[in-house]
């Protein structure tokens, strides 16, 4: 049951990506075009929110590799985000941008941190 919100949001994000790939701009995409750095804000929010939802669904699971302690949701979402950005090279209507990937990284990091902070606060108050 806890996976449903992250799965639904992932499907929504995939829908947005497909619409962008076929150059069919949704109304929300047109709104962000008029906002300075709207594309970057969109990347930050969409991939960040997905990471936060997955982080909660995975119960904040960590991945230990030698001395590194890495958030599992962050790894999953960033892998997807980087792969999605590289697929844009195959579409004449899309543009590959390192700035988009940076926005993805910052969004994922921010929302993972925020979801963990909120969870600690909620569980601390409920005791």
Protein backbone atom coordinates (compact mmCIF):
# COMPACT_ATOMS: atom_id res chain seq x y z
CA UNK A 1 0.00 0.00 0.00
CA UNK A 2 2.83 2.43 0.79
CA UNK A 3 4.18 2.10 -2.77
CA UNK A 4 0.99 3.35 -4.48
CA UNK A 5 1.67 7.13 -4.23
CA UNK A 6 5.21 6.80 -5.57
CA UNK A 7 4.06 4.46 -8.35
CA UNK A 8 1.25 6.81 -9.40
CA UNK A 9 3.57 9.81 -9.40
CA UNK A 10 6.18 7.84 -11.38
CA UNK A 11 3.52 7.04 -14.00
CA UNK A 12 2.52 10.73 -14.09
CA UNK A 13 6.17 11.70 -14.61
CA UNK A 14 6.52 9.12 -17.39
CA UNK A 15 3.41 10.60 -19.05
CA UNK A 16 4.97 14.09 -18.93
CA UNK A 17 8.22 12.74 -20.40
CA UNK A 18 6.44 10.94 -23.25
CA UNK A 19 4.40 14.06 -24.04
CA UNK A 20 7.62 16.11 -24.18
CA UNK A 21 9.29 13.45 -26.34
CA UNK A 22 6.52 13.60 -28.93
CA UNK A 23 6.51 17.41 -28.73
CA UNK A 24 2.97 17.58 -27.32
CA UNK A 25 3.11 20.27 -24.68
CA UNK A 26 0.62 19.99 -21.86
CA UNK A 27 -0.87 23.13 -20.35
CA UNK A 28 1.30 22.83 -17.23
CA UNK A 29 4.41 22.65 -19.43
CA UNK A 30 3.37 25.84 -21.25
CA UNK A 31 2.87 27.63 -17.92
CA UNK A 32 6.42 26.77 -16.82
CA UNK A 33 7.82 28.08 -20.13
CA UNK A 34 6.82 31.59 -19.09
CA UNK A 35 8.56 31.34 -15.72
CA UNK A 36 12.26 32.22 -15.56
CA UNK A 37 14.16 28.92 -15.19
CA UNK A 38 10.76 27.18 -15.27
CA UNK A 39 12.22 24.06 -16.87
CA UNK A 40 14.83 23.81 -14.10
CA UNK A 41 12.18 24.36 -11.41
CA UNK A 42 10.11 21.62 -13.03
CA UNK A 43 13.04 19.19 -12.96
CA UNK A 44 13.79 20.10 -9.34
CA UNK A 45 10.20 19.63 -8.19
CA UNK A 46 9.21 16.57 -10.23
CA UNK A 47 12.28 14.42 -9.62
CA UNK A 48 12.62 15.71 -6.07
CA UNK A 49 9.01 14.89 -5.18
CA UNK A 50 9.38 11.44 -6.70
CA UNK A 51 12.50 10.84 -4.59
CA UNK A 52 10.66 11.94 -1.43
CA UNK A 53 7.75 9.60 -2.14
CA UNK A 54 10.03 6.66 -2.89
CA UNK A 55 12.11 7.43 0.18
CA UNK A 56 9.01 7.10 2.38
CA UNK A 57 7.85 3.98 0.50
CA UNK A 58 11.25 2.33 1.04
CA UNK A 59 11.22 3.38 4.69
CA UNK A 60 14.35 5.51 4.20
CA UNK A 61 16.45 2.48 3.25
CA UNK A 62 20.18 3.10 2.88
CA UNK A 63 22.77 1.43 0.69
CA UNK A 64 26.16 0.79 2.28
CA UNK A 65 29.12 0.53 -0.07
CA UNK A 66 32.36 0.40 1.87
CA UNK A 67 32.41 3.64 3.85
CA UNK A 68 29.61 5.25 1.83
CA UNK A 69 26.08 5.38 3.22
CA UNK A 70 23.78 6.28 0.32
CA UNK A 71 20.04 6.83 0.27
CA UNK A 72 18.39 4.14 -1.89
CA UNK A 73 15.60 6.40 -3.20
CA UNK A 74 18.17 8.95 -4.30
CA UNK A 75 20.10 6.32 -6.25
CA UNK A 76 16.93 5.03 -7.94
CA UNK A 77 15.56 8.43 -8.94
CA UNK A 78 18.90 9.88 -10.03
CA UNK A 79 19.58 6.81 -12.17
CA UNK A 80 16.21 7.29 -13.84
CA UNK A 81 16.72 11.06 -14.23
CA UNK A 82 20.16 10.72 -15.81
CA UNK A 83 18.93 7.98 -18.17
CA UNK A 84 15.94 10.13 -19.14
CA UNK A 85 18.17 13.13 -19.84
CA UNK A 86 20.43 11.05 -22.09
CA UNK A 87 17.44 9.68 -24.03
CA UNK A 88 16.73 13.25 -25.10
CA UNK A 89 19.71 12.97 -27.44
CA UNK A 90 17.57 10.67 -29.59
CA UNK A 91 14.81 13.26 -30.13
CA UNK A 92 15.15 16.27 -32.42
CA UNK A 93 12.53 18.12 -30.36
CA UNK A 94 14.39 17.68 -27.03
CA UNK A 95 17.68 19.08 -25.76
CA UNK A 96 20.17 17.40 -23.47
CA UNK A 97 21.26 19.82 -20.72
CA UNK A 98 23.65 19.35 -17.84
CA UNK A 99 21.75 22.11 -16.03
CA UNK A 100 18.65 19.87 -16.06
CA UNK A 101 20.65 17.08 -14.44
CA UNK A 102 21.95 19.50 -11.83
CA UNK A 103 18.36 20.52 -11.09
CA UNK A 104 17.45 16.83 -10.77
CA UNK A 105 20.32 16.22 -8.33
CA UNK A 106 19.45 19.25 -6.22
CA UNK A 107 15.76 18.33 -6.17
CA UNK A 108 16.43 14.71 -5.21
CA UNK A 109 18.87 15.71 -2.48
CA UNK A 110 16.51 18.37 -1.11
CA UNK A 111 13.42 16.16 -1.03
CA UNK A 112 15.25 13.15 0.41
CA UNK A 113 16.59 15.39 3.17
CA UNK A 114 13.17 17.01 3.69
CA UNK A 115 11.30 13.69 3.81
CA UNK A 116 13.73 12.27 6.36
CA UNK A 117 13.57 15.44 8.46
CA UNK A 118 9.76 15.46 8.39
CA UNK A 119 9.58 11.76 9.25
CA UNK A 120 11.89 12.20 12.26
CA UNK A 121 9.81 15.12 13.42
CA UNK A 122 6.49 13.31 13.02
CA UNK A 123 7.66 10.14 14.76
CA UNK A 124 9.28 12.14 17.56
CA UNK A 125 6.06 14.09 18.21
CA UNK A 126 3.92 10.94 18.19
CA UNK A 127 5.88 9.34 21.02
